[in-house]
Amino acid sequence: MRTQLIHIADTEAILRKIEEVHMPQEKELEALIKKELTKGHLFYVEKDESQSIKHGNKATLKIASNIPKFNKDKVSINVGSKLYSEIVENALIGLKVGESSTVVINNETVEFTVLKIEELFYPELTNDMVMKKEIEGIKTIEEYKDYYLAQKQNETVEACAKVCLDDLIIQSEFTEIDPLDVKEVTDQQFNVLRERFLHSDMDIEKLTDEEWMDDLYEPEKYPYYKKIYPDIAMLMGVKNKKEFYDSLYSEGVDAIRTFLVLGHFLKKEDMEEYNPTKVYRGERKLVDEYVEKIRECMMKKEGHKNGNSIPNDKRL
């Protein structure tokens, strides 16, 4: 590696950011788990007339005004959804069946009376609900809870790791990025695509600019292919091999800086076993080790806070 790291950011200061990150806990996720497992099983039940409207209830109203939308003998709205009228929905909170109120919308008085109040009924969670998710190895509610908790915690770890890595790179100093280093990184992506095209008897390495324009360049199809085959789209959106390399330049620079920072952060004495051209594509050994380090720091922090931690075998 010709490019060098001159100065790395204060890693301890970066890691202290972990203290500000809240790792999702089991109790906080109970409502989310219930919502996830009961999809397709929910229905509304009518509330007792002594109960008032709360956020999330469905209210049936008789509503009258000079505005057609707000002049109905019967209309049902989900309170708090903001899909009907935020003004009306806010005014409904606390009302009971038979009670009336008024609001002003577009300088017109809107009067409404509550005819019925309903709330969502959440059925008891069952293993059948879990089985319908068709998650390999997950068959019971307890297994699903462990799975879901680990999933959300992993998302938190990965988000925290990204923020810390971005800060490490931004706050560190490097020598001028060597173009040959960037070429080594971008060569990998080009060679992967070259192998794919060799199967169709086209060697994109040997194409002249004119042949590239005739055989690959199709800017009108680029938006479509970008959605389904983003790598192929990169070839279709440029006029020649040089433009392809130019389009990958910033990614190559990011990969080099990531490689250097992570090597120092993880205190790697021998970096030759890690391939800098694969930091952000294919093999992600160095990045994976870094994320695991952040995971250990976060779990250690949670363990001190709660007297326990989530073992690594709960990872997804």
C-alpha atoms as a PDB file:
ATOM      1  CA  MET A   1       0.000   0.000   0.000  1.00  0.00           C
ATOM      2  CA  ARG A   2       1.610   3.225  -1.201  1.00  0.00           C
ATOM      3  CA  THR A   3      -0.898   5.556   0.478  1.00  0.00           C
ATOM      4  CA  GLN A   4      -0.156   5.953   4.174  1.00  0.00           C
ATOM      5  CA  LEU A   5      -2.023   6.948   7.316  1.00  0.00           C
ATOM      6  CA  ILE A   6      -0.338   9.999   8.872  1.00  0.00           C
ATOM      7  CA  HIS A   7      -2.559  10.546  11.896  1.00  0.00           C
ATOM      8  CA  ILE A   8      -5.567   8.654  13.218  1.00  0.00           C
ATOM      9  CA  ALA A   9      -8.400  10.263  15.150  1.00  0.00           C
ATOM     10  CA  ASP A  10      -8.736   9.864  18.912  1.00  0.00           C
ATOM     11  CA  THR A  11     -10.145   6.341  18.917  1.00  0.00           C
ATOM     12  CA  GLU A  12     -11.097   6.496  22.576  1.00  0.00           C
ATOM     13  CA  ALA A  13     -13.189   9.603  21.925  1.00  0.00           C
ATOM     14  CA  ILE A  14     -14.875   7.829  19.034  1.00  0.00           C
ATOM     15  CA  LEU A  15     -15.612   4.776  21.154  1.00  0.00           C
ATOM     16  CA  ARG A  16     -17.096   6.940  23.895  1.00  0.00           C
ATOM     17  CA  LYS A  17     -19.923   7.636  21.453  1.00  0.00           C
ATOM     18  CA  ILE A  18     -21.035   4.102  22.138  1.00  0.00           C
ATOM     19  CA  GLU A  19     -22.081   5.255  25.585  1.00  0.00           C
ATOM     20  CA  GLU A  20     -24.695   7.441  23.916  1.00  0.00           C
ATOM     21  CA  VAL A  21     -26.176   4.567  21.915  1.00  0.00           C
ATOM     22  CA  HIS A  22     -29.154   2.784  23.411  1.00  0.00           C
ATOM     23  CA  MET A  23     -29.175  -0.934  22.740  1.00  0.00           C
ATOM     24  CA  PRO A  24     -32.765  -2.221  22.293  1.00  0.00           C
ATOM     25  CA  GLN A  25     -33.910  -4.237  25.276  1.00  0.00           C
ATOM     26  CA  GLU A  26     -36.365  -7.110  25.456  1.00  0.00           C
ATOM     27  CA  LYS A  27     -39.133  -5.184  27.227  1.00  0.00           C
ATOM     28  CA  GLU A  28     -39.016  -2.365  24.691  1.00  0.00           C
ATOM     29  CA  LEU A  29     -39.454  -4.827  21.854  1.00  0.00           C
ATOM     30  CA  GLU A  30     -42.452  -6.669  23.250  1.00  0.00           C
ATOM     31  CA  ALA A  31     -44.953  -4.311  21.598  1.00  0.00           C
ATOM     32  CA  LEU A  32     -43.103  -4.537  18.277  1.00  0.00           C
ATOM     33  CA  ILE A  33     -43.023  -8.336  18.460  1.00  0.00           C
ATOM     34  CA  LYS A  34     -46.741  -8.431  19.220  1.00  0.00           C
ATOM     35  CA  LYS A  35     -47.464  -6.143  16.265  1.00  0.00           C
ATOM     36  CA  GLU A  36     -45.260  -8.209  13.953  1.00  0.00           C
ATOM     37  CA  LEU A  37     -46.722 -11.604  14.885  1.00  0.00           C
ATOM     38  CA  THR A  38     -50.382 -10.507  14.886  1.00  0.00           C
ATOM     39  CA  LYS A  39     -50.339  -9.075  11.362  1.00  0.00           C
ATOM     40  CA  GLY A  40     -53.394 -10.470   9.589  1.00  0.00           C
ATOM     41  CA  HIS A  41     -54.943 -11.527  12.899  1.00  0.00           C
ATOM     42  CA  LEU A  42     -56.110  -8.134  14.195  1.00  0.00           C
ATOM     43  CA  PHE A  43     -59.690  -6.918  14.302  1.00  0.00           C
ATOM     44  CA  TYR A  44     -61.629  -4.091  15.947  1.00  0.00           C
ATOM     45  CA  VAL A  45     -63.960  -4.561  18.903  1.00  0.00           C
ATOM     46  CA  GLU A  46     -66.455  -2.003  20.152  1.00  0.00           C
ATOM     47  CA  LYS A  47     -65.518  -0.213  23.365  1.00  0.00           C
ATOM     48  CA  ASP A  48     -67.823   0.252  26.300  1.00  0.00           C
ATOM     49  CA  GLU A  49     -69.778   3.525  26.161  1.00  0.00           C
ATOM     50  CA  SER A  50     -68.117   4.663  29.372  1.00  0.00           C
ATOM     51  CA  GLN A  51     -64.693   4.615  27.694  1.00  0.00           C
ATOM     52  CA  SER A  52     -63.283   7.592  25.827  1.00  0.00           C
ATOM     53  CA  ILE A  53     -61.408   7.810  22.540  1.00  0.00           C
ATOM     54  CA  LYS A  54     -57.646   7.214  22.601  1.00  0.00           C
ATOM     55  CA  HIS A  55     -54.947   7.454  19.973  1.00  0.00           C
ATOM     56  CA  GLY A  56     -55.220   4.398  17.699  1.00  0.00           C
ATOM     57  CA  ASN A  57     -58.965   3.876  18.191  1.00  0.00           C
ATOM     58  CA  LYS A  58     -61.429   3.866  15.309  1.00  0.00           C
ATOM     59  CA  ALA A  59     -64.264   6.355  15.721  1.00  0.00           C
ATOM     60  CA  THR A  60     -67.523   6.429  13.772  1.00  0.00           C
ATOM     61  CA  LEU A  61     -68.983   9.942  13.539  1.00  0.00           C
ATOM     62  CA  LYS A  62     -71.887  11.910  12.265  1.00  0.00           C
ATOM     63  CA  ILE A  63     -70.291  15.070  10.921  1.00  0.00           C
ATOM     64  CA  ALA A  64     -71.867  18.220   9.475  1.00  0.00           C
ATOM     65  CA  SER A  65     -70.561  21.373   7.779  1.00  0.00           C
ATOM     66  CA  ASN A  66     -70.639  23.289   4.509  1.00  0.00           C
ATOM     67  CA  ILE A  67     -67.610  21.295   3.341  1.00  0.00           C
ATOM     68  CA  PRO A  68     -68.638  18.102   1.459  1.00  0.00           C
ATOM     69  CA  LYS A  69     -65.832  16.008   3.000  1.00  0.00           C
ATOM     70  CA  PHE A  70     -67.036  16.942   6.475  1.00  0.00           C
ATOM     71  CA  ASN A  71     -70.753  16.516   5.850  1.00  0.00           C
ATOM     72  CA  LYS A  72     -71.586  12.828   6.306  1.00  0.00           C
ATOM     73  CA  ASP A  73     -74.227  10.912   8.233  1.00  0.00           C
ATOM     74  CA  LYS A  74     -71.627   8.295   9.061  1.00  0.00           C
ATOM     75  CA  VAL A  75     -67.865   8.220   8.598  1.00  0.00           C
ATOM     76  CA  SER A  76     -65.225   6.024  10.270  1.00  0.00           C
ATOM     77  CA  ILE A  77     -61.723   7.341  10.910  1.00  0.00           C
ATOM     78  CA  ASN A  78     -58.589   5.994  12.544  1.00  0.00           C
ATOM     79  CA  VAL A  79     -57.751   8.486  15.254  1.00  0.00           C
ATOM     80  CA  GLY A  80     -54.149   9.664  15.034  1.00  0.00           C
ATOM     81  CA  SER A  81     -53.547   8.430  11.485  1.00  0.00           C
ATOM     82  CA  LYS A  82     -53.868  11.963  10.012  1.00  0.00           C
ATOM     83  CA  LEU A  83     -55.517  10.345   6.982  1.00  0.00           C
ATOM     84  CA  TYR A  84     -58.875  12.088   7.472  1.00  0.00           C
ATOM     85  CA  SER A  85     -58.196  15.383   9.245  1.00  0.00           C
ATOM     86  CA  GLU A  86     -55.591  15.991  11.914  1.00  0.00           C
ATOM     87  CA  ILE A  87     -57.740  18.785  13.365  1.00  0.00           C
ATOM     88  CA  VAL A  88     -60.801  16.536  13.734  1.00  0.00           C
ATOM     89  CA  GLU A  89     -58.757  13.572  14.970  1.00  0.00           C
ATOM     90  CA  ASN A  90     -57.065  15.651  17.683  1.00  0.00           C
ATOM     91  CA  ALA A  91     -60.434  17.001  18.822  1.00  0.00           C
ATOM     92  CA  LEU A  92     -61.785  13.467  19.208  1.00  0.00           C
ATOM     93  CA  ILE A  93     -59.317  12.444  21.924  1.00  0.00           C
ATOM     94  CA  GLY A  94     -61.166  12.076  25.228  1.00  0.00           C
ATOM     95  CA  LEU A  95     -64.711  12.098  23.808  1.00  0.00           C
ATOM     96  CA  LYS A  96     -67.204   9.317  24.559  1.00  0.00           C
ATOM     97  CA  VAL A  97     -70.075   7.832  22.566  1.00  0.00           C
ATOM     98  CA  GLY A  98     -72.879  10.396  22.220  1.00  0.00           C
ATOM     99  CA  GLU A  99     -70.651  13.392  22.894  1.00  0.00           C
ATOM    100  CA  SER A 100     -70.246  16.187  20.344  1.00  0.00           C
ATOM    101  CA  SER A 101     -67.710  18.879  19.545  1.00  0.00           C
ATOM    102  CA  THR A 102     -66.874  21.464  16.899  1.00  0.00           C
ATOM    103  CA  VAL A 103     -63.736  22.580  15.077  1.00  0.00           C
ATOM    104  CA  VAL A 104     -63.041  25.247  12.456  1.00  0.00           C
ATOM    105  CA  ILE A 105     -61.592  24.174   9.110  1.00  0.00           C
ATOM    106  CA  ASN A 106     -61.008  26.673   6.306  1.00  0.00           C
ATOM    107  CA  ASN A 107     -63.108  29.236   8.194  1.00  0.00           C
ATOM    108  CA  GLU A 108     -66.054  26.820   8.292  1.00  0.00           C
ATOM    109  CA  THR A 109     -67.533  25.329  11.477  1.00  0.00           C
ATOM    110  CA  VAL A 110     -67.466  21.544  11.505  1.00  0.00           C
ATOM    111  CA  GLU A 111     -69.695  19.799  14.059  1.00  0.00           C
ATOM    112  CA  PHE A 112     -69.465  16.103  14.833  1.00  0.00           C
ATOM    113  CA  THR A 113     -70.992  13.529  17.181  1.00  0.00           C
ATOM    114  CA  VAL A 114     -69.382  10.250  18.227  1.00  0.00           C
ATOM    115  CA  LEU A 115     -71.560   7.271  17.259  1.00  0.00           C
ATOM    116  CA  LYS A 116     -69.210   4.380  18.018  1.00  0.00           C
ATOM    117  CA  ILE A 117     -65.689   3.769  19.332  1.00  0.00           C
ATOM    118  CA  GLU A 118     -63.629   0.671  18.489  1.00  0.00           C
ATOM    119  CA  GLU A 119     -60.166  -0.497  19.452  1.00  0.00           C
ATOM    120  CA  LEU A 120     -57.812  -3.074  17.997  1.00  0.00           C
ATOM    121  CA  PHE A 121     -57.966  -6.490  19.576  1.00  0.00           C
ATOM    122  CA  TYR A 122     -54.642  -8.280  19.807  1.00  0.00           C
ATOM    123  CA  PRO A 123     -55.110 -12.066  19.967  1.00  0.00           C
ATOM    124  CA  GLU A 124     -52.888 -14.211  22.124  1.00  0.00           C
ATOM    125  CA  LEU A 125     -49.566 -14.991  20.485  1.00  0.00           C
ATOM    126  CA  THR A 126     -49.220 -18.579  19.292  1.00  0.00           C
ATOM    127  CA  ASN A 127     -46.514 -20.771  17.806  1.00  0.00           C
ATOM    128  CA  ASP A 128     -48.637 -21.016  14.630  1.00  0.00           C
ATOM    129  CA  MET A 129     -48.111 -17.275  14.085  1.00  0.00           C
ATOM    130  CA  VAL A 130     -44.372 -17.860  14.332  1.00  0.00           C
ATOM    131  CA  MET A 131     -44.486 -20.820  11.933  1.00  0.00           C
ATOM    132  CA  LYS A 132     -46.222 -18.658   9.311  1.00  0.00           C
ATOM    133  CA  LYS A 133     -43.143 -16.413   9.251  1.00  0.00           C
ATOM    134  CA  GLU A 134     -41.230 -19.375   7.758  1.00  0.00           C
ATOM    135  CA  ILE A 135     -37.944 -18.467   9.435  1.00  0.00           C
ATOM    136  CA  GLU A 136     -35.501 -21.336   9.387  1.00  0.00           C
ATOM    137  CA  GLY A 137     -34.964 -22.824  12.848  1.00  0.00           C
ATOM    138  CA  ILE A 138     -37.577 -20.547  14.468  1.00  0.00           C
ATOM    139  CA  LYS A 139     -40.736 -22.391  15.523  1.00  0.00           C
ATOM    140  CA  THR A 140     -41.787 -21.099  18.935  1.00  0.00           C
ATOM    141  CA  ILE A 141     -42.646 -17.710  20.413  1.00  0.00           C
ATOM    142  CA  GLU A 142     -39.597 -17.785  22.676  1.00  0.00           C
ATOM    143  CA  GLU A 143     -37.311 -18.597  19.732  1.00  0.00           C
ATOM    144  CA  TYR A 144     -38.866 -15.755  17.750  1.00  0.00           C
ATOM    145  CA  LYS A 145     -38.373 -13.303  20.621  1.00  0.00           C
ATOM    146  CA  ASP A 146     -34.673 -14.209  20.818  1.00  0.00           C
ATOM    147  CA  TYR A 147     -34.398 -13.936  17.025  1.00  0.00           C
ATOM    148  CA  TYR A 148     -36.165 -10.561  16.873  1.00  0.00           C
ATOM    149  CA  LEU A 149     -34.160  -9.130  19.775  1.00  0.00           C
ATOM    150  CA  ALA A 150     -30.895 -10.216  18.166  1.00  0.00           C
ATOM    151  CA  GLN A 151     -31.996  -8.752  14.829  1.00  0.00           C
ATOM    152  CA  LYS A 152     -32.748  -5.332  16.308  1.00  0.00           C
ATOM    153  CA  GLN A 153     -29.554  -5.335  18.360  1.00  0.00           C
ATOM    154  CA  ASN A 154     -27.549  -6.216  15.259  1.00  0.00           C
ATOM    155  CA  GLU A 155     -29.104  -3.289  13.418  1.00  0.00           C
ATOM    156  CA  THR A 156     -28.064  -1.001  16.286  1.00  0.00           C
ATOM    157  CA  VAL A 157     -24.506  -2.375  16.309  1.00  0.00           C
ATOM    158  CA  GLU A 158     -24.102  -1.932  12.560  1.00  0.00           C
ATOM    159  CA  ALA A 159     -25.477   1.617  12.641  1.00  0.00           C
ATOM    160  CA  CYS A 160     -23.146   2.528  15.523  1.00  0.00           C
ATOM    161  CA  ALA A 161     -20.177   0.912  13.766  1.00  0.00           C
ATOM    162  CA  LYS A 162     -20.851   2.942  10.618  1.00  0.00           C
ATOM    163  CA  VAL A 163     -21.017   6.228  12.540  1.00  0.00           C
ATOM    164  CA  CYS A 164     -17.781   5.463  14.394  1.00  0.00           C
ATOM    165  CA  LEU A 165     -15.999   4.439  11.185  1.00  0.00           C
ATOM    166  CA  ASP A 166     -17.148   7.551   9.337  1.00  0.00           C
ATOM    167  CA  ASP A 167     -15.828   9.704  12.195  1.00  0.00           C
ATOM    168  CA  LEU A 168     -12.525   7.818  12.283  1.00  0.00           C
ATOM    169  CA  ILE A 169     -11.970   8.383   8.569  1.00  0.00           C
ATOM    170  CA  ILE A 170     -13.066  12.029   8.538  1.00  0.00           C
ATOM    171  CA  GLN A 171     -10.910  12.950  11.539  1.00  0.00           C
ATOM    172  CA  SER A 172      -7.793  11.074  10.375  1.00  0.00           C
ATOM    173  CA  GLU A 173      -5.056  12.326   8.027  1.00  0.00           C
ATOM    174  CA  PHE A 174      -3.572  10.477   5.047  1.00  0.00           C
ATOM    175  CA  THR A 175      -0.854  11.058   2.505  1.00  0.00           C
ATOM    176  CA  GLU A 176      -2.096  11.922  -0.956  1.00  0.00           C
ATOM    177  CA  ILE A 177      -4.056   8.981  -2.322  1.00  0.00           C
ATOM    178  CA  ASP A 178      -1.839   7.074  -4.738  1.00  0.00           C
ATOM    179  CA  PRO A 179      -3.589   6.471  -8.105  1.00  0.00           C
ATOM    180  CA  LEU A 180      -2.024   3.005  -8.341  1.00  0.00           C
ATOM    181  CA  ASP A 181      -3.676   2.044  -5.061  1.00  0.00           C
ATOM    182  CA  VAL A 182      -7.020   3.206  -6.400  1.00  0.00           C
ATOM    183  CA  LYS A 183      -6.450   1.225  -9.586  1.00  0.00           C
ATOM    184  CA  GLU A 184      -5.791  -1.945  -7.596  1.00  0.00           C
ATOM    185  CA  VAL A 185      -9.071  -1.477  -5.773  1.00  0.00           C
ATOM    186  CA  THR A 186     -11.152  -0.713  -8.856  1.00  0.00           C
ATOM    187  CA  ASP A 187      -9.439  -3.478 -10.842  1.00  0.00           C
ATOM    188  CA  GLN A 188     -11.228  -5.973  -8.654  1.00  0.00           C
ATOM    189  CA  GLN A 189     -14.652  -4.756  -9.664  1.00  0.00           C
ATOM    190  CA  PHE A 190     -13.670  -4.572 -13.322  1.00  0.00           C
ATOM    191  CA  ASN A 191     -12.244  -8.096 -13.252  1.00  0.00           C
ATOM    192  CA  VAL A 192     -15.399  -9.484 -11.662  1.00  0.00           C
ATOM    193  CA  LEU A 193     -17.468  -8.018 -14.486  1.00  0.00           C
ATOM    194  CA  ARG A 194     -14.937  -9.157 -17.069  1.00  0.00           C
ATOM    195  CA  GLU A 195     -15.342 -12.750 -15.879  1.00  0.00           C
ATOM    196  CA  ARG A 196     -19.093 -12.484 -16.249  1.00  0.00           C
ATOM    197  CA  PHE A 197     -18.851 -11.229 -19.815  1.00  0.00           C
ATOM    198  CA  LEU A 198     -16.258 -13.818 -20.804  1.00  0.00           C
ATOM    199  CA  HIS A 199     -18.990 -16.436 -20.428  1.00  0.00           C
ATOM    200  CA  SER A 200     -20.815 -14.706 -23.284  1.00  0.00           C
ATOM    201  CA  ASP A 201     -17.659 -14.558 -25.427  1.00  0.00           C
ATOM    202  CA  MET A 202     -17.093 -10.829 -24.863  1.00  0.00           C
ATOM    203  CA  ASP A 203     -13.810  -9.620 -23.368  1.00  0.00           C
ATOM    204  CA  ILE A 204     -14.518  -6.109 -22.140  1.00  0.00           C
ATOM    205  CA  GLU A 205     -10.799  -5.698 -21.376  1.00  0.00           C
ATOM    206  CA  LYS A 206     -10.019  -5.797 -25.103  1.00  0.00           C
ATOM    207  CA  LEU A 207     -12.883  -3.624 -26.361  1.00  0.00           C
ATOM    208  CA  THR A 208     -11.902  -0.451 -28.185  1.00  0.00           C
ATOM    209  CA  ASP A 209     -13.798   2.733 -27.325  1.00  0.00           C
ATOM    210  CA  GLU A 210     -15.841   2.308 -30.504  1.00  0.00           C
ATOM    211  CA  GLU A 211     -16.694  -1.315 -29.694  1.00  0.00           C
ATOM    212  CA  TRP A 212     -17.639  -0.337 -26.151  1.00  0.00           C
ATOM    213  CA  MET A 213     -20.031   2.287 -27.529  1.00  0.00           C
ATOM    214  CA  ASP A 214     -21.567  -0.246 -29.930  1.00  0.00           C
ATOM    215  CA  ASP A 215     -21.792  -3.246 -27.591  1.00  0.00           C
ATOM    216  CA  LEU A 216     -22.246  -1.817 -24.077  1.00  0.00           C
ATOM    217  CA  TYR A 217     -23.190   1.847 -23.992  1.00  0.00           C
ATOM    218  CA  GLU A 218     -26.997   2.111 -23.612  1.00  0.00           C
ATOM    219  CA  PRO A 219     -27.763   5.153 -21.427  1.00  0.00           C
ATOM    220  CA  GLU A 220     -31.499   4.907 -22.139  1.00  0.00           C
ATOM    221  CA  LYS A 221     -31.575   1.500 -20.412  1.00  0.00           C
ATOM    222  CA  TYR A 222     -29.296   2.558 -17.550  1.00  0.00           C
ATOM    223  CA  PRO A 223     -32.077   3.582 -15.085  1.00  0.00           C
ATOM    224  CA  TYR A 224     -33.843   0.251 -15.551  1.00  0.00           C
ATOM    225  CA  TYR A 225     -30.726  -1.914 -15.212  1.00  0.00           C
ATOM    226  CA  LYS A 226     -29.516   0.082 -12.217  1.00  0.00           C
ATOM    227  CA  LYS A 227     -32.471  -1.264 -10.233  1.00  0.00           C
ATOM    228  CA  ILE A 228     -31.983  -4.938 -11.083  1.00  0.00           C
ATOM    229  CA  TYR A 229     -28.339  -5.300 -12.226  1.00  0.00           C
ATOM    230  CA  PRO A 230     -26.441  -2.302 -10.778  1.00  0.00           C
ATOM    231  CA  ASP A 231     -22.993  -3.650 -11.747  1.00  0.00           C
ATOM    232  CA  ILE A 232     -23.992  -4.210 -15.364  1.00  0.00           C
ATOM    233  CA  ALA A 233     -25.643  -0.783 -15.376  1.00  0.00           C
ATOM    234  CA  MET A 234     -22.279   0.781 -14.500  1.00  0.00           C
ATOM    235  CA  LEU A 235     -20.903  -0.509 -17.806  1.00  0.00           C
ATOM    236  CA  MET A 236     -23.956   0.610 -19.783  1.00  0.00           C
ATOM    237  CA  GLY A 237     -23.789   4.137 -18.375  1.00  0.00           C
ATOM    238  CA  VAL A 238     -20.208   4.945 -19.433  1.00  0.00           C
ATOM    239  CA  LYS A 239     -18.628   5.325 -22.877  1.00  0.00           C
ATOM    240  CA  ASN A 240     -15.385   3.434 -22.301  1.00  0.00           C
ATOM    241  CA  LYS A 241     -13.177   1.659 -19.766  1.00  0.00           C
ATOM    242  CA  LYS A 242     -11.594   4.915 -18.556  1.00  0.00           C
ATOM    243  CA  GLU A 243     -15.000   6.389 -17.702  1.00  0.00           C
ATOM    244  CA  PHE A 244     -15.814   3.188 -15.830  1.00  0.00           C
ATOM    245  CA  TYR A 245     -12.690   3.534 -13.684  1.00  0.00           C
ATOM    246  CA  ASP A 246     -13.393   7.226 -13.136  1.00  0.00           C
ATOM    247  CA  SER A 247     -16.896   6.381 -11.917  1.00  0.00           C
ATOM    248  CA  LEU A 248     -15.405   4.061  -9.274  1.00  0.00           C
ATOM    249  CA  TYR A 249     -12.638   6.403  -8.163  1.00  0.00           C
ATOM    250  CA  SER A 250     -14.344   7.808  -5.059  1.00  0.00           C
ATOM    251  CA  GLU A 251     -15.323   4.293  -3.906  1.00  0.00           C
ATOM    252  CA  GLY A 252     -11.716   3.207  -4.349  1.00  0.00           C
ATOM    253  CA  VAL A 253     -10.479   6.140  -2.253  1.00  0.00           C
ATOM    254  CA  ASP A 254     -12.991   5.282   0.487  1.00  0.00           C
ATOM    255  CA  ALA A 255     -11.848   1.653   0.453  1.00  0.00           C
ATOM    256  CA  ILE A 256      -8.188   2.640   0.871  1.00  0.00           C
ATOM    257  CA  ARG A 257      -8.888   4.998   3.758  1.00  0.00           C
ATOM    258  CA  THR A 258     -11.111   2.379   5.399  1.00  0.00           C
ATOM    259  CA  PHE A 259      -8.394  -0.248   5.024  1.00  0.00           C
ATOM    260  CA  LEU A 260      -5.718   1.947   6.616  1.00  0.00           C
ATOM    261  CA  VAL A 261      -7.881   3.201   9.482  1.00  0.00           C
ATOM    262  CA  LEU A 262      -9.212  -0.227  10.405  1.00  0.00           C
ATOM    263  CA  GLY A 263      -5.760  -1.780  10.330  1.00  0.00           C
ATOM    264  CA  HIS A 264      -4.559   0.801  12.856  1.00  0.00           C
ATOM    265  CA  PHE A 265      -7.763   0.694  14.939  1.00  0.00           C
ATOM    266  CA  LEU A 266      -7.579  -3.105  15.236  1.00  0.00           C
ATOM    267  CA  LYS A 267      -3.809  -2.950  15.897  1.00  0.00           C
ATOM    268  CA  LYS A 268      -2.956  -5.255  12.997  1.00  0.00           C
ATOM    269  CA  GLU A 269       0.799  -5.776  12.732  1.00  0.00           C
ATOM    270  CA  ASP A 270       0.658  -7.725   9.482  1.00  0.00           C
ATOM    271  CA  MET A 271      -1.756  -6.230   6.978  1.00  0.00           C
ATOM    272  CA  GLU A 272      -0.600  -8.367   4.064  1.00  0.00           C
ATOM    273  CA  GLU A 273      -3.145 -11.062   4.933  1.00  0.00           C
ATOM    274  CA  TYR A 274      -5.914  -8.523   4.344  1.00  0.00           C
ATOM    275  CA  ASN A 275      -6.780  -7.538   0.797  1.00  0.00           C
ATOM    276  CA  PRO A 276      -7.392  -3.772   0.473  1.00  0.00           C
ATOM    277  CA  THR A 277      -9.210  -4.319  -2.814  1.00  0.00           C
ATOM    278  CA  LYS A 278     -11.891  -6.293  -0.963  1.00  0.00           C
ATOM    279  CA  VAL A 279     -12.647  -3.926   1.898  1.00  0.00           C
ATOM    280  CA  TYR A 280     -15.982  -2.906   0.433  1.00  0.00           C
ATOM    281  CA  ARG A 281     -16.707  -5.733  -2.023  1.00  0.00           C
ATOM    282  CA  GLY A 282     -16.624  -9.498  -1.707  1.00  0.00           C
ATOM    283  CA  GLU A 283     -14.411 -10.536   1.202  1.00  0.00           C
ATOM    284  CA  ARG A 284     -14.977  -8.199   4.157  1.00  0.00           C
ATOM    285  CA  LYS A 285     -12.705  -9.807   6.732  1.00  0.00           C
ATOM    286  CA  LEU A 286     -11.258  -6.556   8.079  1.00  0.00           C
ATOM    287  CA  VAL A 287     -14.623  -4.790   8.210  1.00  0.00           C
ATOM    288  CA  ASP A 288     -16.243  -7.797   9.895  1.00  0.00           C
ATOM    289  CA  GLU A 289     -13.537  -7.833  12.583  1.00  0.00           C
ATOM    290  CA  TYR A 290     -14.112  -4.137  13.187  1.00  0.00           C
ATOM    291  CA  VAL A 291     -17.895  -4.557  13.525  1.00  0.00           C
ATOM    292  CA  GLU A 292     -17.321  -7.421  15.963  1.00  0.00           C
ATOM    293  CA  LYS A 293     -15.056  -5.144  18.009  1.00  0.00           C
ATOM    294  CA  ILE A 294     -17.810  -2.527  18.194  1.00  0.00           C
ATOM    295  CA  ARG A 295     -20.262  -5.271  19.150  1.00  0.00           C
ATOM    296  CA  GLU A 296     -18.013  -6.356  22.024  1.00  0.00           C
ATOM    297  CA  CYS A 297     -17.754  -2.766  23.276  1.00  0.00           C
ATOM    298  CA  MET A 298     -21.518  -2.271  23.131  1.00  0.00           C
ATOM    299  CA  MET A 299     -22.304  -5.581  24.795  1.00  0.00           C
ATOM    300  CA  LYS A 300     -19.768  -4.857  27.518  1.00  0.00           C
ATOM    301  CA  LYS A 301     -21.445  -1.511  28.121  1.00  0.00           C
ATOM    302  CA  GLU A 302     -24.882  -3.149  28.254  1.00  0.00           C
ATOM    303  CA  GLY A 303     -23.574  -5.841  30.554  1.00  0.00           C
ATOM    304  CA  HIS A 304     -22.325  -3.244  33.035  1.00  0.00           C
ATOM    305  CA  LYS A 305     -25.639  -1.411  32.804  1.00  0.00           C
ATOM    306  CA  ASN A 306     -27.982  -4.387  33.087  1.00  0.00           C
ATOM    307  CA  GLY A 307     -25.882  -7.073  34.704  1.00  0.00           C
ATOM    308  CA  ASN A 308     -25.929  -9.237  31.588  1.00  0.00           C
ATOM    309  CA  SER A 309     -25.163  -9.218  27.884  1.00  0.00           C
ATOM    310  CA  ILE A 310     -26.271 -10.873  24.679  1.00  0.00           C
ATOM    311  CA  PRO A 311     -23.998 -13.768  23.668  1.00  0.00           C
ATOM    312  CA  ASN A 312     -22.511 -13.782  20.176  1.00  0.00           C
ATOM    313  CA  ASP A 313     -24.403 -16.957  19.229  1.00  0.00           C
ATOM    314  CA  LYS A 314     -27.544 -14.817  19.158  1.00  0.00           C
ATOM    315  CA  ARG A 315     -26.186 -12.965  16.128  1.00  0.00           C
ATOM    316  CA  LEU A 316     -28.053 -13.284  12.830  1.00  0.00           C
END
